[in-house]
Each structure stands twice: as C-alpha cells, then as structure tokens.
Amino acid sequence: MTGKILYIFGDFNIDLLKFETSTFIQDFILSLQNCYLFPTIDKPTRVHNNSATLIDNIFINNPEYGLCSGNIVSDISDHYSQFCVTSLGKGYHKSFKKKVRICTKSAETRFIQELVNVNFGALFVESQNVDQIFSSLYRKINNIVNKVAPLKSLNNRNFKKVSKPWITQGIRESIRIKNSLFLTGNKKRYLYYRKKKFFYSNK
C-alpha cells in the first residue's frame, strides 16, 4: 500500500475513550499506527442516556495533508454519523459539475412531436447492419432529447432537490423542526413529534 491513500471506517465496537485503562484498546491503536493509520474522530459517537462511547471511527494514513473531521448529530440511529474531509495534496484542484435534465410537461410534448417526424423506415434502407441501425436510431433519439431537455448545471442545493423530488418543502420543514427538538434535549416533545405525521403546506 506504499504511496496509496487509505481510509478505513466503520463501527469497531472498541471504545477509544477507554484507551488509558484498557491494554486491549492500546494494542488496537498501536497495531493501526504500525500501518501509519490514525483515528480522525475523538468525540463520543454514541450517546445514550448516561453513557457515551467512541466506537465509530475513520482511520486514515495521510494526516499530513490536513483534515477536518467530526460527528454529525442526528436521530437517524443511536450512533452519530462521522465525516472526514481531507486535502489531496498541493496543486490538486478539480471541480465536478453536476448536470441533470429538467423533464417538464412541455419538454415531454415536444419530444413526442419531434419523435413523430423521424423517418424510422429510412434507417433500414440506409443499412442492413443491426449495429449500424441501432447506432443511427440512438443518435437520432439522443439528439432529440438534448434538444428538448438539455443538460443543465446545478449547484449542490438545487441538485438535491431535483434528485429527490418526493421530499417536498413541507417535509423539509418537518425534518428541520424534528431535528431542532432532538438537539434541544426535550425528549418527551421530540418523541411526540416524531410519532406524529406533520405535513405542512408547500405554499
């Protein structure tokens, strides 16, 4: 693994908060450090009533590049989620643009109109080769799709909205309120709200 960037993450069921009192945990950490692997999470990852343990972690072998890591407090499970953001080194800059097709009703209507005007019979006259016929058919349909519903670049926020259309504004508002109750520690009100199905108007 020389020269390779390595990430190991998961629920190890080994509470690193007990490092100073457990020889087993010390051996676990030392064995990882022998492979130049270091933990990036140093805060409890599971907090339940009066207990707090650090059993979920992300181990990496490139801490020299600098990193930002921590826990994401949520009620998805009784374990918090972890994240680790690292730099890939000096001079590495690459941006990824997310593109999607916005398929509206008008685009669907235009697609059907364009499709009706295609002379599919001519494809079989031009060639008898199945592969060539399919390639011609694919190009024609793809050109129509690009014409009526071209790919558009979206930022992360809008991309999430488009990729998950079932999550309405009302549902987002419900999630926000439920999460805020979870963070306040008002367990009774939070559990009551979580059991209820609140849906707000999208207006």
N, C-alpha and C. Protein backbone atom coordinates (compact mmCIF):
# COMPACT_ATOMS: atom_id res chain seq x y z
N MET A 1 0.83 -1.22 0.00
CA MET A 1 0.00 0.00 0.00
C MET A 1 0.86 1.26 0.00
N THR A 2 2.13 1.14 -0.36
CA THR A 2 3.01 2.30 -0.36
C THR A 2 2.54 3.34 -1.36
N GLY A 3 2.44 4.59 -0.91
CA GLY A 3 2.02 5.67 -1.78
C GLY A 3 0.53 5.76 -2.01
N LYS A 4 -0.24 4.86 -1.44
CA LYS A 4 -1.69 4.87 -1.60
C LYS A 4 -2.37 5.55 -0.41
N ILE A 5 -3.43 6.29 -0.70
CA ILE A 5 -4.23 6.89 0.36
C ILE A 5 -5.26 5.87 0.82
N LEU A 6 -5.30 5.61 2.12
CA LEU A 6 -6.16 4.56 2.65
C LEU A 6 -7.11 5.14 3.69
N TYR A 7 -8.37 4.74 3.59
CA TYR A 7 -9.40 5.12 4.56
C TYR A 7 -10.06 3.84 5.08
N ILE A 8 -10.16 3.72 6.39
CA ILE A 8 -10.87 2.60 7.00
C ILE A 8 -11.92 3.19 7.94
N PHE A 9 -13.17 2.83 7.73
CA PHE A 9 -14.21 3.41 8.57
C PHE A 9 -15.27 2.36 8.90
N GLY A 10 -15.91 2.55 10.06
CA GLY A 10 -16.96 1.63 10.46
C GLY A 10 -17.19 1.64 11.95
N ASP A 11 -18.06 0.74 12.39
CA ASP A 11 -18.36 0.55 13.82
C ASP A 11 -17.44 -0.56 14.32
N PHE A 12 -16.40 -0.19 15.09
CA PHE A 12 -15.39 -1.16 15.52
C PHE A 12 -15.73 -1.80 16.86
N ASN A 13 -16.74 -1.28 17.56
CA ASN A 13 -17.13 -1.79 18.87
C ASN A 13 -15.96 -1.77 19.86
N ILE A 14 -15.08 -0.82 19.68
CA ILE A 14 -13.95 -0.63 20.59
C ILE A 14 -13.97 0.82 21.05
N ASP A 15 -14.24 1.03 22.32
CA ASP A 15 -14.41 2.38 22.86
C ASP A 15 -13.05 3.03 23.08
N LEU A 16 -12.70 3.94 22.18
CA LEU A 16 -11.39 4.59 22.27
C LEU A 16 -11.29 5.55 23.45
N LEU A 17 -12.42 5.90 24.06
CA LEU A 17 -12.37 6.76 25.25
C LEU A 17 -11.74 6.04 26.44
N LYS A 18 -11.66 4.72 26.37
CA LYS A 18 -11.07 3.92 27.45
C LYS A 18 -9.63 3.53 27.14
N PHE A 19 -9.00 4.29 26.25
CA PHE A 19 -7.64 3.97 25.81
C PHE A 19 -6.65 3.87 26.98
N GLU A 20 -6.77 4.78 27.93
CA GLU A 20 -5.79 4.84 29.02
C GLU A 20 -5.93 3.70 30.02
N THR A 21 -7.08 3.04 30.05
CA THR A 21 -7.31 2.00 31.06
C THR A 21 -7.41 0.59 30.47
N SER A 22 -7.39 0.46 29.16
CA SER A 22 -7.55 -0.85 28.53
C SER A 22 -6.34 -1.18 27.67
N THR A 23 -5.65 -2.26 28.02
CA THR A 23 -4.50 -2.69 27.22
C THR A 23 -4.94 -3.21 25.85
N PHE A 24 -6.14 -3.78 25.78
CA PHE A 24 -6.67 -4.28 24.51
C PHE A 24 -6.85 -3.14 23.50
N ILE A 25 -7.39 -2.03 24.00
CA ILE A 25 -7.59 -0.87 23.12
C ILE A 25 -6.25 -0.25 22.74
N GLN A 26 -5.32 -0.24 23.67
CA GLN A 26 -3.99 0.27 23.35
C GLN A 26 -3.32 -0.56 22.27
N ASP A 27 -3.47 -1.89 22.35
CA ASP A 27 -2.90 -2.77 21.32
C ASP A 27 -3.57 -2.52 19.96
N PHE A 28 -4.88 -2.26 20.00
CA PHE A 28 -5.62 -2.00 18.76
C PHE A 28 -5.09 -0.74 18.07
N ILE A 29 -4.90 0.33 18.86
CA ILE A 29 -4.41 1.59 18.30
C ILE A 29 -2.97 1.44 17.80
N LEU A 30 -2.16 0.75 18.57
CA LEU A 30 -0.76 0.58 18.18
C LEU A 30 -0.62 -0.24 16.89
N SER A 31 -1.47 -1.24 16.75
CA SER A 31 -1.42 -2.06 15.54
C SER A 31 -1.80 -1.24 14.30
N LEU A 32 -2.73 -0.31 14.48
CA LEU A 32 -3.10 0.57 13.37
C LEU A 32 -2.00 1.58 13.08
N GLN A 33 -1.41 2.11 14.15
CA GLN A 33 -0.34 3.09 13.96
C GLN A 33 0.88 2.47 13.31
N ASN A 34 1.10 1.18 13.52
CA ASN A 34 2.20 0.50 12.85
C ASN A 34 2.02 0.50 11.34
N CYS A 35 0.77 0.61 10.90
CA CYS A 35 0.45 0.71 9.47
C CYS A 35 0.23 2.16 9.05
N TYR A 36 0.63 3.08 9.92
CA TYR A 36 0.50 4.51 9.69
C TYR A 36 -0.96 4.93 9.53
N LEU A 37 -1.82 4.33 10.32
CA LEU A 37 -3.24 4.68 10.32
C LEU A 37 -3.58 5.38 11.63
N PHE A 38 -4.28 6.51 11.52
CA PHE A 38 -4.58 7.30 12.69
C PHE A 38 -6.08 7.60 12.75
N PRO A 39 -6.66 7.60 13.95
CA PRO A 39 -8.10 7.92 14.08
C PRO A 39 -8.34 9.41 13.85
N THR A 40 -9.46 9.72 13.21
CA THR A 40 -9.79 11.13 12.96
C THR A 40 -10.92 11.62 13.86
N ILE A 41 -11.60 10.71 14.55
CA ILE A 41 -12.72 11.09 15.43
C ILE A 41 -12.28 10.95 16.88
N ASP A 42 -12.45 12.01 17.66
CA ASP A 42 -12.03 11.98 19.06
C ASP A 42 -13.15 12.36 20.03
N LYS A 43 -14.37 12.42 19.55
CA LYS A 43 -15.53 12.73 20.39
C LYS A 43 -16.49 11.53 20.41
N PRO A 44 -17.30 11.38 21.46
CA PRO A 44 -18.24 10.24 21.53
C PRO A 44 -19.12 10.15 20.29
N THR A 45 -19.28 8.94 19.79
CA THR A 45 -20.09 8.73 18.59
C THR A 45 -21.43 8.07 18.92
N ARG A 46 -21.60 7.67 20.16
CA ARG A 46 -22.88 7.12 20.60
C ARG A 46 -23.16 7.63 22.00
N VAL A 47 -24.20 8.42 22.14
CA VAL A 47 -24.59 8.98 23.43
C VAL A 47 -26.00 8.51 23.73
N HIS A 48 -26.13 7.77 24.81
CA HIS A 48 -27.44 7.22 25.17
C HIS A 48 -27.63 7.34 26.67
N ASN A 49 -28.65 8.13 27.07
CA ASN A 49 -28.92 8.37 28.48
C ASN A 49 -27.66 8.87 29.18
N ASN A 50 -27.08 8.05 30.06
CA ASN A 50 -25.92 8.49 30.82
C ASN A 50 -24.60 7.90 30.31
N SER A 51 -24.62 7.27 29.15
CA SER A 51 -23.39 6.66 28.62
C SER A 51 -22.94 7.38 27.36
N ALA A 52 -21.63 7.39 27.15
CA ALA A 52 -21.05 7.99 25.95
C ALA A 52 -19.85 7.15 25.54
N THR A 53 -19.83 6.66 24.30
CA THR A 53 -18.75 5.81 23.82
C THR A 53 -18.27 6.29 22.45
N LEU A 54 -17.03 5.97 22.16
CA LEU A 54 -16.44 6.31 20.87
C LEU A 54 -16.09 5.00 20.17
N ILE A 55 -17.06 4.43 19.47
CA ILE A 55 -16.87 3.12 18.85
C ILE A 55 -16.92 3.18 17.33
N ASP A 56 -17.31 4.32 16.77
CA ASP A 56 -17.31 4.52 15.32
C ASP A 56 -16.16 5.44 14.96
N ASN A 57 -15.45 5.11 13.90
CA ASN A 57 -14.30 5.95 13.58
C ASN A 57 -13.92 5.86 12.12
N ILE A 58 -13.07 6.80 11.72
CA ILE A 58 -12.48 6.82 10.38
C ILE A 58 -10.97 6.90 10.57
N PHE A 59 -10.26 5.91 10.07
CA PHE A 59 -8.80 5.88 10.17
C PHE A 59 -8.20 6.20 8.80
N ILE A 60 -7.20 7.07 8.78
CA ILE A 60 -6.57 7.45 7.53
C ILE A 60 -5.05 7.38 7.66
N ASN A 61 -4.37 7.31 6.51
CA ASN A 61 -2.90 7.23 6.53
C ASN A 61 -2.27 8.47 5.88
N ASN A 62 -3.05 9.55 5.71
CA ASN A 62 -2.48 10.77 5.14
C ASN A 62 -2.80 12.02 5.95
N PRO A 63 -2.55 11.98 7.27
CA PRO A 63 -2.88 13.16 8.09
C PRO A 63 -2.02 14.38 7.78
N GLU A 64 -0.90 14.19 7.07
CA GLU A 64 -0.01 15.31 6.79
C GLU A 64 -0.63 16.34 5.85
N TYR A 65 -1.68 15.94 5.11
CA TYR A 65 -2.33 16.86 4.20
C TYR A 65 -3.34 17.77 4.92
N GLY A 66 -3.59 17.49 6.16
CA GLY A 66 -4.57 18.29 6.89
C GLY A 66 -5.96 17.75 6.68
N LEU A 67 -6.78 17.86 7.70
CA LEU A 67 -8.12 17.30 7.57
C LEU A 67 -9.10 18.04 8.48
N CYS A 68 -10.37 17.84 8.19
CA CYS A 68 -11.46 18.35 9.02
C CYS A 68 -12.40 17.17 9.25
N SER A 69 -12.65 16.83 10.50
CA SER A 69 -13.46 15.65 10.80
C SER A 69 -14.31 15.91 12.03
N GLY A 70 -15.32 15.07 12.22
CA GLY A 70 -16.18 15.21 13.38
C GLY A 70 -17.42 14.36 13.27
N ASN A 71 -18.39 14.64 14.13
CA ASN A 71 -19.65 13.90 14.16
C ASN A 71 -20.78 14.76 13.63
N ILE A 72 -21.74 14.11 12.99
CA ILE A 72 -22.97 14.77 12.57
C ILE A 72 -24.07 14.31 13.52
N VAL A 73 -24.55 15.22 14.34
CA VAL A 73 -25.56 14.87 15.34
C VAL A 73 -26.92 14.76 14.65
N SER A 74 -27.51 13.58 14.68
CA SER A 74 -28.82 13.37 14.08
C SER A 74 -29.50 12.20 14.79
N ASP A 75 -30.78 12.01 14.47
CA ASP A 75 -31.54 10.93 15.10
C ASP A 75 -31.78 9.78 14.13
N ILE A 76 -30.96 9.67 13.08
CA ILE A 76 -31.12 8.58 12.13
C ILE A 76 -30.95 7.24 12.82
N SER A 77 -30.00 7.16 13.73
CA SER A 77 -29.81 5.95 14.54
C SER A 77 -29.27 6.38 15.90
N ASP A 78 -29.00 5.40 16.77
CA ASP A 78 -28.45 5.76 18.07
C ASP A 78 -26.95 6.04 17.99
N HIS A 79 -26.37 5.88 16.79
CA HIS A 79 -24.98 6.25 16.55
C HIS A 79 -24.97 7.52 15.70
N TYR A 80 -24.09 8.48 16.04
CA TYR A 80 -23.94 9.65 15.20
C TYR A 80 -23.20 9.25 13.92
N SER A 81 -23.38 10.05 12.89
CA SER A 81 -22.63 9.83 11.65
C SER A 81 -21.31 10.59 11.72
N GLN A 82 -20.28 10.05 11.06
CA GLN A 82 -18.97 10.68 11.07
C GLN A 82 -18.63 11.21 9.67
N PHE A 83 -17.78 12.23 9.64
CA PHE A 83 -17.29 12.73 8.37
C PHE A 83 -15.81 13.06 8.48
N CYS A 84 -15.15 13.01 7.35
CA CYS A 84 -13.72 13.34 7.31
C CYS A 84 -13.42 13.95 5.94
N VAL A 85 -12.98 15.19 5.93
CA VAL A 85 -12.64 15.89 4.69
C VAL A 85 -11.14 16.12 4.68
N THR A 86 -10.47 15.62 3.66
CA THR A 86 -9.02 15.76 3.57
C THR A 86 -8.62 16.42 2.27
N SER A 87 -7.45 17.01 2.28
CA SER A 87 -6.88 17.59 1.07
C SER A 87 -6.10 16.50 0.34
N LEU A 88 -6.16 16.51 -0.98
CA LEU A 88 -5.44 15.51 -1.76
C LEU A 88 -4.02 15.94 -2.12
N GLY A 89 -3.61 17.03 -1.50
CA GLY A 89 -2.23 17.45 -1.74
C GLY A 89 -2.16 18.78 -2.46
N LYS A 90 -1.01 19.39 -2.42
CA LYS A 90 -0.80 20.70 -3.01
C LYS A 90 -0.91 20.63 -4.53
N GLY A 91 -1.61 21.60 -5.08
CA GLY A 91 -1.73 21.68 -6.53
C GLY A 91 -2.84 20.85 -7.11
N TYR A 92 -3.59 20.11 -6.27
CA TYR A 92 -4.69 19.29 -6.79
C TYR A 92 -5.99 20.07 -6.68
N HIS A 93 -6.51 20.48 -7.80
CA HIS A 93 -7.76 21.23 -7.81
C HIS A 93 -8.62 20.68 -8.94
N LYS A 94 -9.74 20.17 -8.59
CA LYS A 94 -10.64 19.62 -9.60
C LYS A 94 -12.08 19.86 -9.17
N SER A 95 -12.85 20.41 -10.04
CA SER A 95 -14.25 20.68 -9.74
C SER A 95 -15.14 19.73 -10.52
N PHE A 96 -16.20 19.31 -9.90
CA PHE A 96 -17.14 18.41 -10.52
C PHE A 96 -18.48 19.12 -10.66
N LYS A 97 -18.92 19.30 -11.90
CA LYS A 97 -20.20 19.94 -12.16
C LYS A 97 -21.29 18.88 -12.26
N LYS A 98 -22.37 19.11 -11.57
CA LYS A 98 -23.49 18.18 -11.60
C LYS A 98 -24.51 18.68 -12.62
N LYS A 99 -24.84 17.82 -13.55
CA LYS A 99 -25.78 18.19 -14.60
C LYS A 99 -26.97 17.23 -14.60
N VAL A 100 -28.12 17.77 -14.82
CA VAL A 100 -29.35 16.96 -14.87
C VAL A 100 -30.23 17.46 -16.01
N ARG A 101 -31.18 16.63 -16.39
CA ARG A 101 -32.18 17.02 -17.38
C ARG A 101 -33.46 17.40 -16.63
N ILE A 102 -33.98 18.57 -16.92
CA ILE A 102 -35.24 19.01 -16.33
C ILE A 102 -36.36 18.60 -17.30
N CYS A 103 -37.02 17.51 -16.99
CA CYS A 103 -38.06 16.98 -17.88
C CYS A 103 -39.43 17.52 -17.47
N THR A 104 -39.86 18.56 -18.15
CA THR A 104 -41.16 19.17 -17.87
C THR A 104 -42.22 18.58 -18.81
N LYS A 105 -43.47 18.96 -18.59
CA LYS A 105 -44.55 18.51 -19.45
C LYS A 105 -44.38 19.03 -20.87
N SER A 106 -43.97 20.28 -20.98
CA SER A 106 -43.75 20.86 -22.31
C SER A 106 -42.62 20.15 -23.04
N ALA A 107 -41.56 19.78 -22.31
CA ALA A 107 -40.45 19.04 -22.92
C ALA A 107 -40.93 17.67 -23.40
N GLU A 108 -41.80 17.04 -22.61
CA GLU A 108 -42.35 15.74 -22.99
C GLU A 108 -43.19 15.86 -24.27
N THR A 109 -43.98 16.92 -24.36
CA THR A 109 -44.81 17.15 -25.55
C THR A 109 -43.95 17.39 -26.78
N ARG A 110 -42.93 18.21 -26.64
CA ARG A 110 -42.01 18.50 -27.75
C ARG A 110 -41.27 17.25 -28.19
N PHE A 111 -40.90 16.40 -27.22
CA PHE A 111 -40.19 15.16 -27.56
C PHE A 111 -41.06 14.26 -28.44
N ILE A 112 -42.33 14.13 -28.06
CA ILE A 112 -43.25 13.29 -28.85
C ILE A 112 -43.43 13.87 -30.25
N GLN A 113 -43.55 15.20 -30.35
CA GLN A 113 -43.72 15.85 -31.65
C GLN A 113 -42.49 15.62 -32.53
N GLU A 114 -41.31 15.74 -31.95
CA GLU A 114 -40.08 15.52 -32.71
C GLU A 114 -39.95 14.05 -33.12
N LEU A 115 -40.39 13.15 -32.23
CA LEU A 115 -40.27 11.72 -32.49
C LEU A 115 -41.18 11.30 -33.65
N VAL A 116 -42.35 11.92 -33.75
CA VAL A 116 -43.31 11.59 -34.82
C VAL A 116 -42.72 11.92 -36.19
N ASN A 117 -41.89 12.95 -36.25
CA ASN A 117 -41.34 13.40 -37.53
C ASN A 117 -40.12 12.60 -37.98
N VAL A 118 -39.65 11.67 -37.15
CA VAL A 118 -38.49 10.86 -37.52
C VAL A 118 -38.92 9.74 -38.47
N ASN A 119 -38.22 9.60 -39.56
CA ASN A 119 -38.49 8.54 -40.53
C ASN A 119 -37.69 7.30 -40.14
N PHE A 120 -38.27 6.46 -39.29
CA PHE A 120 -37.56 5.27 -38.81
C PHE A 120 -37.34 4.26 -39.94
N GLY A 121 -38.23 4.23 -40.92
CA GLY A 121 -38.09 3.28 -42.02
C GLY A 121 -36.82 3.51 -42.83
N ALA A 122 -36.38 4.79 -42.88
CA ALA A 122 -35.18 5.10 -43.66
C ALA A 122 -33.93 4.48 -43.05
N LEU A 123 -33.97 4.19 -41.77
CA LEU A 123 -32.80 3.59 -41.11
C LEU A 123 -32.49 2.22 -41.70
N PHE A 124 -33.54 1.47 -42.06
CA PHE A 124 -33.34 0.13 -42.61
C PHE A 124 -32.93 0.17 -44.08
N VAL A 125 -33.24 1.29 -44.74
CA VAL A 125 -32.83 1.45 -46.14
C VAL A 125 -31.35 1.81 -46.22
N GLU A 126 -30.92 2.64 -45.26
CA GLU A 126 -29.53 3.10 -45.26
C GLU A 126 -28.55 1.97 -45.00
N SER A 127 -28.94 0.99 -44.16
CA SER A 127 -28.03 -0.10 -43.80
C SER A 127 -28.80 -1.34 -43.40
N GLN A 128 -28.18 -2.50 -43.61
CA GLN A 128 -28.76 -3.76 -43.18
C GLN A 128 -28.05 -4.31 -41.94
N ASN A 129 -27.04 -3.56 -41.47
CA ASN A 129 -26.27 -3.98 -40.31
C ASN A 129 -27.01 -3.55 -39.04
N VAL A 130 -27.28 -4.53 -38.17
CA VAL A 130 -28.06 -4.25 -36.97
C VAL A 130 -27.36 -3.23 -36.07
N ASP A 131 -26.06 -3.36 -35.92
CA ASP A 131 -25.31 -2.44 -35.06
C ASP A 131 -25.38 -1.00 -35.60
N GLN A 132 -25.25 -0.85 -36.91
CA GLN A 132 -25.31 0.47 -37.50
C GLN A 132 -26.71 1.08 -37.39
N ILE A 133 -27.73 0.24 -37.59
CA ILE A 133 -29.10 0.71 -37.46
C ILE A 133 -29.38 1.20 -36.04
N PHE A 134 -28.93 0.41 -35.05
CA PHE A 134 -29.13 0.82 -33.65
C PHE A 134 -28.40 2.11 -33.34
N SER A 135 -27.15 2.24 -33.84
CA SER A 135 -26.37 3.45 -33.58
C SER A 135 -27.06 4.68 -34.17
N SER A 136 -27.60 4.55 -35.38
CA SER A 136 -28.30 5.66 -36.02
C SER A 136 -29.56 6.02 -35.23
N LEU A 137 -30.30 4.99 -34.81
CA LEU A 137 -31.50 5.22 -34.01
C LEU A 137 -31.18 5.92 -32.70
N TYR A 138 -30.12 5.46 -32.03
CA TYR A 138 -29.72 6.04 -30.75
C TYR A 138 -29.33 7.50 -30.92
N ARG A 139 -28.56 7.80 -31.99
CA ARG A 139 -28.12 9.18 -32.21
C ARG A 139 -29.31 10.11 -32.46
N LYS A 140 -30.28 9.64 -33.23
CA LYS A 140 -31.44 10.47 -33.54
C LYS A 140 -32.23 10.78 -32.27
N ILE A 141 -32.49 9.73 -31.46
CA ILE A 141 -33.26 9.93 -30.22
C ILE A 141 -32.48 10.79 -29.24
N ASN A 142 -31.17 10.55 -29.13
CA ASN A 142 -30.34 11.33 -28.22
C ASN A 142 -30.29 12.79 -28.62
N ASN A 143 -30.26 13.06 -29.92
CA ASN A 143 -30.26 14.45 -30.39
C ASN A 143 -31.57 15.14 -30.03
N ILE A 144 -32.68 14.41 -30.12
CA ILE A 144 -33.97 14.99 -29.76
C ILE A 144 -34.03 15.30 -28.27
N VAL A 145 -33.54 14.36 -27.46
CA VAL A 145 -33.53 14.56 -26.01
C VAL A 145 -32.70 15.77 -25.65
N ASN A 146 -31.50 15.91 -26.25
CA ASN A 146 -30.65 17.06 -25.97
C ASN A 146 -31.28 18.37 -26.43
N LYS A 147 -32.13 18.29 -27.46
CA LYS A 147 -32.77 19.49 -27.98
C LYS A 147 -33.91 19.97 -27.08
N VAL A 148 -34.76 19.04 -26.63
CA VAL A 148 -35.95 19.43 -25.85
C VAL A 148 -35.67 19.49 -24.35
N ALA A 149 -34.68 18.74 -23.88
CA ALA A 149 -34.35 18.74 -22.44
C ALA A 149 -32.84 18.67 -22.26
N PRO A 150 -32.13 19.76 -22.58
CA PRO A 150 -30.67 19.75 -22.47
C PRO A 150 -30.20 19.64 -21.03
N LEU A 151 -28.99 19.15 -20.88
CA LEU A 151 -28.39 19.04 -19.55
C LEU A 151 -28.09 20.44 -19.00
N LYS A 152 -28.42 20.64 -17.73
CA LYS A 152 -28.18 21.93 -17.08
C LYS A 152 -27.35 21.73 -15.82
N SER A 153 -26.39 22.64 -15.61
CA SER A 153 -25.55 22.58 -14.42
C SER A 153 -26.32 23.12 -13.22
N LEU A 154 -26.22 22.41 -12.09
CA LEU A 154 -26.92 22.82 -10.88
C LEU A 154 -25.95 22.85 -9.72
N ASN A 155 -26.20 23.74 -8.76
CA ASN A 155 -25.40 23.72 -7.53
C ASN A 155 -25.89 22.58 -6.65
N ASN A 156 -25.17 22.30 -5.59
CA ASN A 156 -25.48 21.16 -4.73
C ASN A 156 -26.89 21.23 -4.15
N ARG A 157 -27.31 22.43 -3.76
CA ARG A 157 -28.63 22.59 -3.13
C ARG A 157 -29.74 22.22 -4.11
N ASN A 158 -29.68 22.79 -5.32
CA ASN A 158 -30.72 22.51 -6.32
C ASN A 158 -30.64 21.09 -6.85
N PHE A 159 -29.41 20.54 -6.88
CA PHE A 159 -29.25 19.17 -7.36
C PHE A 159 -29.95 18.19 -6.42
N LYS A 160 -29.85 18.43 -5.11
CA LYS A 160 -30.51 17.56 -4.15
C LYS A 160 -32.02 17.64 -4.29
N LYS A 161 -32.53 18.84 -4.56
CA LYS A 161 -33.97 19.00 -4.71
C LYS A 161 -34.48 18.24 -5.93
N VAL A 162 -33.72 18.31 -7.03
CA VAL A 162 -34.14 17.65 -8.26
C VAL A 162 -34.01 16.13 -8.15
N SER A 163 -32.94 15.67 -7.48
CA SER A 163 -32.70 14.23 -7.39
C SER A 163 -33.64 13.54 -6.40
N LYS A 164 -34.28 14.33 -5.51
CA LYS A 164 -35.22 13.77 -4.54
C LYS A 164 -36.52 14.57 -4.56
N PRO A 165 -37.29 14.46 -5.66
CA PRO A 165 -38.50 15.28 -5.80
C PRO A 165 -39.59 14.95 -4.79
N TRP A 166 -39.53 13.76 -4.19
CA TRP A 166 -40.56 13.38 -3.22
C TRP A 166 -40.41 14.11 -1.88
N ILE A 167 -39.24 14.71 -1.64
CA ILE A 167 -39.04 15.47 -0.41
C ILE A 167 -39.51 16.90 -0.67
N THR A 168 -40.75 17.18 -0.31
CA THR A 168 -41.33 18.49 -0.55
C THR A 168 -40.83 19.51 0.47
N GLN A 169 -41.17 20.77 0.24
CA GLN A 169 -40.79 21.83 1.17
C GLN A 169 -41.42 21.60 2.53
N GLY A 170 -42.65 21.06 2.54
CA GLY A 170 -43.32 20.76 3.81
C GLY A 170 -42.59 19.69 4.60
N ILE A 171 -42.12 18.65 3.90
CA ILE A 171 -41.37 17.59 4.57
C ILE A 171 -40.05 18.13 5.10
N ARG A 172 -39.39 18.99 4.33
CA ARG A 172 -38.13 19.59 4.80
C ARG A 172 -38.34 20.39 6.07
N GLU A 173 -39.46 21.11 6.13
CA GLU A 173 -39.77 21.89 7.32
C GLU A 173 -40.02 20.98 8.52
N SER A 174 -40.71 19.85 8.27
CA SER A 174 -40.96 18.88 9.35
C SER A 174 -39.65 18.31 9.87
N ILE A 175 -38.72 17.97 8.96
CA ILE A 175 -37.42 17.42 9.35
C ILE A 175 -36.64 18.45 10.17
N ARG A 176 -36.69 19.70 9.74
CA ARG A 176 -35.95 20.76 10.44
C ARG A 176 -36.44 20.91 11.88
N ILE A 177 -37.77 20.93 12.07
CA ILE A 177 -38.33 21.09 13.41
C ILE A 177 -38.02 19.88 14.27
N LYS A 178 -38.16 18.68 13.69
CA LYS A 178 -37.88 17.46 14.45
C LYS A 178 -36.43 17.43 14.90
N ASN A 179 -35.50 17.79 14.01
CA ASN A 179 -34.08 17.80 14.36
C ASN A 179 -33.77 18.84 15.42
N SER A 180 -34.44 19.99 15.34
CA SER A 180 -34.19 21.03 16.35
C SER A 180 -34.66 20.57 17.73
N LEU A 181 -35.75 19.81 17.77
CA LEU A 181 -36.22 19.27 19.05
C LEU A 181 -35.23 18.24 19.59
N PHE A 182 -34.65 17.45 18.69
CA PHE A 182 -33.67 16.44 19.10
C PHE A 182 -32.45 17.10 19.73
N LEU A 183 -32.02 18.22 19.17
CA LEU A 183 -30.83 18.90 19.66
C LEU A 183 -31.08 19.64 20.97
N THR A 184 -32.34 20.01 21.25
CA THR A 184 -32.64 20.72 22.50
C THR A 184 -32.64 19.80 23.71
N GLY A 185 -32.74 18.49 23.46
CA GLY A 185 -32.77 17.53 24.56
C GLY A 185 -34.15 17.35 25.17
N ASN A 186 -35.15 17.98 24.57
CA ASN A 186 -36.54 17.82 25.04
C ASN A 186 -37.06 16.49 24.50
N LYS A 187 -36.72 15.41 25.20
CA LYS A 187 -37.00 14.08 24.70
C LYS A 187 -38.50 13.80 24.57
N LYS A 188 -39.28 14.25 25.54
CA LYS A 188 -40.72 13.98 25.52
C LYS A 188 -41.39 14.61 24.32
N ARG A 189 -41.11 15.88 24.09
CA ARG A 189 -41.72 16.58 22.96
C ARG A 189 -41.19 16.04 21.63
N TYR A 190 -39.89 15.70 21.62
CA TYR A 190 -39.29 15.15 20.40
C TYR A 190 -39.95 13.83 20.02
N LEU A 191 -40.12 12.92 20.98
CA LEU A 191 -40.73 11.62 20.71
C LEU A 191 -42.18 11.78 20.26
N TYR A 192 -42.88 12.75 20.88
CA TYR A 192 -44.27 13.01 20.49
C TYR A 192 -44.32 13.49 19.04
N TYR A 193 -43.42 14.41 18.70
CA TYR A 193 -43.40 14.95 17.35
C TYR A 193 -42.99 13.89 16.34
N ARG A 194 -42.04 13.04 16.72
CA ARG A 194 -41.55 12.03 15.79
C ARG A 194 -42.63 11.00 15.45
N LYS A 195 -43.49 10.70 16.43
CA LYS A 195 -44.55 9.73 16.19
C LYS A 195 -45.68 10.30 15.35
N LYS A 196 -45.87 11.62 15.47
CA LYS A 196 -46.92 12.27 14.69
C LYS A 196 -46.45 12.50 13.27
N LYS A 197 -47.37 12.52 12.33
CA LYS A 197 -47.04 12.76 10.93
C LYS A 197 -47.50 14.18 10.56
N PHE A 198 -46.55 15.13 10.68
CA PHE A 198 -46.86 16.51 10.34
C PHE A 198 -46.47 16.80 8.91
N PHE A 199 -47.40 17.32 8.16
CA PHE A 199 -47.11 17.72 6.81
C PHE A 199 -47.61 19.15 6.61
N TYR A 200 -46.70 20.02 6.23
CA TYR A 200 -47.03 21.41 6.08
C TYR A 200 -47.34 21.74 4.62
N SER A 201 -48.07 22.78 4.43
CA SER A 201 -48.42 23.21 3.08
C SER A 201 -47.18 23.65 2.34
N ASN A 202 -47.13 23.38 1.05
CA ASN A 202 -45.99 23.79 0.23
C ASN A 202 -46.12 25.23 -0.26
N LYS A 203 -47.16 25.90 0.17
CA LYS A 203 -47.36 27.27 -0.30
C LYS A 203 -46.32 28.18 0.33
